[in-house]
Protein backbone atom coordinates (compact mmCIF):
# COMPACT_ATOMS: atom_id res chain seq x y z
CA MET A 1 -7.06 -11.48 -5.66
CA ILE A 2 -7.38 -10.89 -9.39
CA ASP A 3 -4.36 -9.39 -11.13
CA GLN A 4 -6.28 -6.95 -13.33
CA ILE A 5 -9.53 -5.07 -12.77
CA GLU A 6 -11.68 -3.51 -15.50
CA GLN A 7 -13.04 -0.08 -14.63
CA ALA A 8 -15.01 2.23 -16.95
CA GLY A 9 -13.28 0.99 -20.10
CA ARG A 10 -9.75 1.07 -18.67
CA SER A 11 -7.54 -1.56 -17.07
CA ILE A 12 -5.90 -1.07 -13.68
CA THR A 13 -3.15 -3.45 -12.65
CA ARG A 14 -2.15 -4.45 -9.12
CA GLY A 15 1.06 -2.45 -9.50
CA GLU A 16 -0.88 0.73 -10.21
CA LEU A 17 -2.97 0.19 -7.10
CA GLY A 18 0.13 0.33 -4.87
CA SER A 19 1.58 -1.72 -2.03
CA CYS A 20 -1.57 -1.69 0.13
CA VAL A 21 -3.57 -3.66 -2.44
CA HIS A 22 -1.54 -6.75 -1.49
CA ARG A 23 -2.90 -6.46 2.03
CA ILE A 24 -6.52 -5.89 0.96
CA GLU A 25 -8.63 -8.86 -0.12
CA SER A 26 -10.92 -7.01 -2.57
CA VAL A 27 -11.12 -3.58 -4.18
CA VAL A 28 -14.31 -1.73 -5.04
CA LEU A 29 -13.58 0.65 -7.91
CA ASP A 30 -16.24 3.30 -8.28
CA PHE A 31 -15.75 5.95 -10.96
CA CYS A 32 -16.81 8.67 -8.47
CA TYR A 33 -14.32 7.63 -5.83
CA PHE A 34 -11.24 6.12 -7.47
CA PRO A 35 -8.79 7.67 -7.16
CA PHE A 36 -9.45 10.92 -5.29
CA ASN A 37 -6.82 13.70 -5.31
CA GLN A 38 -6.98 15.85 -2.20
CA THR A 39 -4.91 18.91 -1.40
CA ALA A 40 -4.06 19.86 2.17
CA TYR A 41 -2.25 22.97 3.38
CA THR A 42 0.68 23.20 5.78
CA THR A 43 -0.13 23.91 9.46
CA ALA A 44 -3.86 23.63 8.71
CA LYS A 45 -6.21 20.68 9.21
CA THR A 46 -7.59 18.30 6.59
CA THR A 47 -10.22 15.56 6.63
CA ILE A 48 -10.27 12.48 4.38
CA THR A 49 -13.80 11.11 3.95
CA CYS A 50 -14.74 7.55 3.04
CA HIS A 51 -18.42 6.87 2.27
CA HIS A 52 -20.12 3.58 3.04
CA ASN A 53 -23.53 2.19 3.96
CA LYS A 54 -22.48 -0.87 5.92
CA SER A 55 -21.90 -1.34 9.63
CA ARG A 56 -18.48 -2.93 9.65
CA VAL A 57 -15.02 -2.26 11.01
CA ARG A 58 -13.34 0.61 9.16
CA PHE A 59 -9.70 1.11 8.36
CA PHE A 60 -7.26 3.63 6.90
CA TYR A 61 -3.94 2.54 5.43
CA LYS A 62 -1.06 4.64 4.15
CA GLU A 63 1.47 3.47 1.59
CA LYS A 64 5.09 3.88 2.68
CA GLY A 65 7.18 2.36 -0.06
CA ASP A 66 6.64 -1.38 0.10
CA ILE A 67 4.97 -1.07 3.50
CA CYS A 68 1.25 -0.63 4.04
CA GLU A 69 0.82 1.05 7.44
CA GLU A 70 -2.48 1.23 9.28
CA THR A 71 -3.40 4.68 10.59
CA ARG A 72 -5.03 4.93 14.01
CA SER A 73 -6.18 7.80 16.20
CA ASN A 74 -3.03 9.12 17.87
CA GLY A 75 -2.38 12.80 18.51
CA ARG A 76 -2.63 14.53 15.13
CA PHE A 77 -4.73 11.76 13.55
CA THR A 78 -8.38 11.38 14.56
CA LEU A 79 -10.78 8.76 13.17
CA THR A 80 -14.53 9.40 13.45
CA ALA A 81 -17.62 7.71 12.01
CA THR A 82 -21.20 8.65 11.03
CA ASN A 83 -24.09 6.58 9.68
CA SER A 84 -22.92 7.02 6.08
CA SER A 85 -19.19 7.71 6.26
CA PHE A 86 -16.05 7.54 8.33
CA ASN A 87 -13.36 10.18 8.37
CA MET A 88 -9.72 10.64 9.20
CA SER A 89 -8.69 14.15 10.27
CA ILE A 90 -5.06 15.29 10.30
CA SER A 91 -4.21 18.40 12.32
CA ASN A 92 -1.16 20.64 11.84
CA VAL A 93 -0.51 19.15 8.40
CA SER A 94 3.10 18.85 7.23
CA SER A 95 4.80 17.65 4.06
CA GLU A 96 5.38 14.27 5.73
CA ASP A 97 1.63 13.63 5.63
CA ALA A 98 1.56 13.62 1.82
CA GLY A 99 1.12 10.24 0.17
CA VAL A 100 -1.38 7.57 -0.84
CA TYR A 101 -4.07 6.51 1.63
CA TRP A 102 -6.63 3.71 1.41
CA CYS A 103 -9.90 3.54 3.30
CA GLY A 104 -12.20 0.57 3.51
CA LEU A 105 -14.16 -1.93 5.54
CA GLU A 106 -13.07 -5.02 7.38
CA SER A 107 -15.09 -7.98 8.58
CA LYS A 108 -15.48 -8.30 12.32
CA ASP A 109 -13.28 -11.38 12.37
CA GLY A 110 -10.60 -9.50 10.39
CA ASN A 111 -10.47 -12.12 7.65
CA GLN A 112 -11.85 -9.93 4.85
CA GLN A 113 -10.98 -6.36 3.86
CA THR A 114 -12.59 -4.28 1.14
CA ALA A 115 -11.02 -1.07 -0.11
CA LEU A 116 -13.57 1.61 -0.93
CA ARG A 117 -11.37 4.52 -1.90
CA GLN A 118 -7.81 5.52 -2.69
CA ILE A 119 -6.84 9.08 -1.68
CA ARG A 120 -3.74 10.76 -3.00
CA LEU A 121 -2.95 13.50 -0.54
CA GLU A 122 -0.85 16.44 -1.72
CA VAL A 123 0.44 19.02 0.75
CA LYS A 124 0.99 22.63 -0.36
CA LYS A 125 1.84 25.96 1.18
CA ILE A 126 -0.78 28.71 1.09
CA LEU A 127 -0.68 32.48 1.40
CA ASN A 128 -1.64 33.57 4.93
CA PHE A 129 -2.58 36.99 6.15
CA ARG A 130 -4.00 38.39 9.37
CA ARG A 131 -6.06 41.37 10.43
CA SER A 132 -7.43 42.62 13.75
CA PRO A 133 -10.48 44.88 13.21
CA MET A 134 -12.28 46.61 16.06
CA VAL A 135 -15.76 45.58 17.17
CA GLY A 136 -18.30 47.46 15.02
CA GLU A 137 -15.83 48.11 12.20
CA THR A 138 -16.61 47.37 8.53
CA PHE A 139 -13.59 46.45 6.40
CA THR A 140 -12.67 44.93 3.03
CA TYR A 141 -10.00 42.46 1.95
CA TRP A 142 -9.34 40.55 -1.26
CA CYS A 143 -7.98 37.22 -2.50
CA ASP A 144 -6.09 36.69 -5.76
CA TYR A 145 -6.67 33.46 -7.67
CA ARG A 146 -5.09 31.60 -10.57
CA SER A 147 -6.34 31.87 -14.14
CA GLN A 148 -7.27 28.16 -14.09
CA THR A 149 -10.09 28.92 -11.66
CA ALA A 150 -11.35 32.08 -13.37
CA TYR A 151 -14.63 30.48 -14.44
CA ASN A 152 -15.18 28.31 -11.37
CA TYR A 153 -17.50 29.81 -8.82
CA LYS A 154 -15.60 31.17 -5.80
CA PHE A 155 -16.61 31.01 -2.18
CA ILE A 156 -15.60 32.06 1.33
CA CYS A 157 -15.78 29.57 4.17
CA LYS A 158 -14.93 29.59 7.87
CA GLY A 159 -13.14 26.94 9.93
CA GLU A 160 -9.74 25.46 10.70
CA ASP A 161 -10.26 22.70 8.10
CA PRO A 162 -10.89 23.87 4.52
CA SER A 163 -12.05 20.41 3.42
CA VAL A 164 -15.12 20.65 5.68
CA CYS A 165 -15.37 24.40 6.41
CA GLU A 166 -18.71 26.22 6.61
CA ARG A 167 -19.47 28.15 3.42
CA LEU A 168 -20.66 31.70 3.98
CA VAL A 169 -20.99 33.38 0.57
CA SER A 170 -20.18 32.44 -3.02
CA THR A 171 -20.33 33.86 -6.53
CA GLN A 172 -23.32 31.67 -7.27
CA HIS A 173 -26.54 33.56 -7.99
CA ASN A 174 -28.23 34.98 -4.85
CA LYS A 175 -25.40 33.78 -2.60
CA MET A 176 -23.03 36.78 -2.83
CA ASN A 177 -24.34 38.55 0.28
CA ASN A 178 -25.57 37.09 3.56
CA GLY A 179 -25.87 40.38 5.43
CA LYS A 180 -22.56 39.97 7.21
CA PHE A 181 -20.24 38.96 4.34
CA SER A 182 -20.44 40.04 0.72
CA LEU A 183 -18.11 39.39 -2.20
CA ASN A 184 -17.45 40.52 -5.73
CA ASP A 185 -15.54 38.56 -8.39
CA ASP A 186 -13.34 40.57 -10.77
CA ARG A 187 -12.29 38.03 -13.41
CA GLN A 188 -10.18 40.56 -15.29
CA LYS A 189 -8.02 41.26 -12.23
CA ARG A 190 -8.45 37.64 -11.06
CA ASN A 191 -9.42 38.49 -7.49
CA ILE A 192 -12.45 38.48 -5.28
CA THR A 193 -13.20 41.33 -2.89
CA ILE A 194 -14.81 40.48 0.45
CA THR A 195 -16.52 43.00 2.73
CA VAL A 196 -17.23 42.20 6.37
CA SER A 197 -19.88 44.43 7.96
CA ALA A 198 -20.23 45.45 11.61
CA VAL A 199 -17.63 43.11 13.06
CA THR A 200 -18.49 41.31 16.30
CA ALA A 201 -16.41 39.13 18.62
CA ASP A 202 -18.06 36.03 17.10
CA ASP A 203 -16.48 36.84 13.71
CA ALA A 204 -13.01 35.92 14.96
CA GLY A 205 -11.61 32.78 13.32
CA THR A 206 -10.00 31.34 10.19
CA TYR A 207 -11.43 32.05 6.72
CA TRP A 208 -10.58 30.47 3.36
CA CYS A 209 -10.91 31.76 -0.20
CA GLY A 210 -11.60 28.83 -2.50
CA ALA A 211 -13.11 27.71 -5.78
CA LYS A 212 -15.46 24.88 -6.69
CA SER A 213 -13.68 22.04 -8.48
CA PHE A 214 -15.32 20.80 -11.71
CA ASN A 215 -13.38 17.56 -11.37
CA LYS A 216 -15.17 15.08 -9.10
CA GLU A 217 -11.90 13.26 -8.53
CA ARG A 218 -10.17 16.37 -7.13
CA SER A 219 -10.78 18.46 -4.02
CA ASN A 220 -11.66 22.16 -4.14
CA PRO A 221 -8.60 24.42 -4.57
CA PHE A 222 -7.93 27.16 -2.02
CA PHE A 223 -5.70 30.17 -2.53
CA HIS A 224 -5.80 32.27 0.67
CA ARG A 225 -6.13 31.70 4.40
CA PHE A 226 -7.25 34.73 6.39
CA ILE A 227 -7.00 34.74 10.20
CA MET A 228 -9.14 37.36 11.92
CA THR A 229 -8.81 38.40 15.54
CA VAL A 230 -11.29 40.96 16.85
CA GLU A 231 -10.26 43.72 19.24
CA THR A 232 -12.54 45.51 21.68
CA PRO A 233 -12.21 49.32 21.88
CA PRO A 234 -10.82 50.48 25.23
CA THR A 235 -13.51 51.75 27.60
CA THR A 236 -13.00 54.80 29.84
CA ALA A 237 -14.47 54.45 33.32
CA PRO A 238 -16.80 57.38 34.22
CA SER A 239 -15.25 59.83 36.67
CA THR A 240 -17.05 60.04 40.00
CA SER A 241 -16.68 62.51 42.87
CA PRO A 242 -15.01 60.85 45.82
CA HIS A 243 -17.31 60.18 48.74
CA PRO A 244 -15.55 59.74 52.04
CA SER A 245 -16.42 56.56 53.81
CA THR A 246 -18.00 56.41 57.26
CA HIS A 247 -14.62 55.57 58.69
CA GLY A 248 -13.10 58.62 56.98
CA ARG A 249 -15.82 60.92 58.25
CA PHE A 250 -15.32 59.61 61.77
CA GLU A 251 -11.60 60.37 61.59
CA VAL A 252 -12.36 63.93 60.42
CA ILE A 253 -14.72 64.46 63.35
CA ILE A 254 -12.19 63.16 65.87
CA THR A 255 -9.48 65.37 64.39
CA GLY A 256 -11.77 68.39 64.61
CA ILE A 257 -12.63 67.69 68.23
CA VAL A 258 -8.95 67.34 69.15
CA CYS A 259 -8.09 70.60 67.40
CA VAL A 260 -10.89 72.45 69.21
CA ALA A 261 -9.82 70.97 72.54
CA VAL A 262 -6.23 72.05 71.98
CA LEU A 263 -7.34 75.56 71.08
CA LEU A 264 -9.55 75.76 74.18
CA LEU A 265 -6.67 74.55 76.34
CA LEU A 266 -4.33 77.12 74.87
CA MET A 267 -6.92 79.85 75.45
CA LEU A 268 -7.37 78.70 79.06
CA VAL A 269 -3.61 78.76 79.65
CA LEU A 270 -3.35 82.20 78.07
CA ILE A 271 -6.19 83.56 80.20
CA SER A 272 -4.64 82.06 83.33
CA ILE A 273 -1.31 83.75 82.54
CA LEU A 274 -3.03 87.08 81.98
CA ILE A 275 -4.95 86.80 85.25
CA TYR A 276 -1.77 85.87 87.08
CA LYS A 277 0.13 88.82 85.67
CA ARG A 278 -2.74 91.16 86.48
CA LYS A 279 -2.81 90.02 90.09
CA ARG A 280 0.96 90.50 90.46
CA VAL A 281 0.70 94.04 89.11
CA ASP A 282 -2.14 94.86 91.52
CA PHE A 283 -0.20 93.34 94.41
CA HIS A 284 2.89 95.43 93.74
CA LYS A 285 0.78 98.60 93.45
CA HIS A 286 -0.93 97.93 96.76
CA LYS A 287 2.35 97.25 98.53
CA THR A 288 3.91 100.44 97.21
CA TRP A 289 0.91 102.50 98.35
CA SER A 290 1.01 101.00 101.89
CA SER A 291 4.72 101.81 102.33
CA SER A 292 4.26 105.39 101.29
CA GLU A 293 1.33 105.91 103.67
CA GLY A 294 3.36 104.61 106.65
CA ARG A 295 6.24 107.00 106.09
CA GLN A 296 3.86 109.96 106.05
CA ARG A 297 2.41 109.02 109.43
CA GLY A 298 5.86 108.79 111.04
């Protein structure tokens, strides 16, 4: 490999390229891609993209002192490919993930490697806040930004990964309101105000406040992460009059019949007692009358 490479009027030595350059056979230095400074945020996700237009084996290396370590898909690291690029995603980013990465292509026999891009990954903390609006609610929140980004256009995007998140609205002309989200940029106060209208369950997720980078060798800066969970208002079940079941009605009928039968039996017993007493009274009267009549005849 050559010891010095000319690039856009400047000289880059092997030492400046880092330890991985000793493992790579050739280096393609493109002004748009070398080097690229990317910022990731703790506990979030980030994706490093490497563009190419060749169908070859891809690789990612990370410099660790004098060691050049190949990165493979394993847990937090996921490598994917498209027709024009291949990506390495890192989930649950931590400070240990910061460092210098190389991406490139390798011949199928593994004898030749070409580096396409050097990525210097910086890991930062970011301000997080949460809110749980109700379905149907309209609410407003705001994001403060640094003075360095005052004249960059700002945007709101949705997704776990700010490097590839879906942009919703921005301070660019005719993009400040999409019907659901709207924003206003107050450069004097250095904040943007975001209004979310008629919240639905689909609005739940992670949102990022960011700014467009004017530097093609640096990723877009972000200054707030907003996590929205959507709550559903409690519903009151309509009150209904209880309707006894067929089984319940049957039990009521049986109970009624038993009660009537008991009453009839009691009435029958009572009548029988009255008749019995009446007969005893009549019997005693008749006996007394017969005794008295016999004495008169004697």
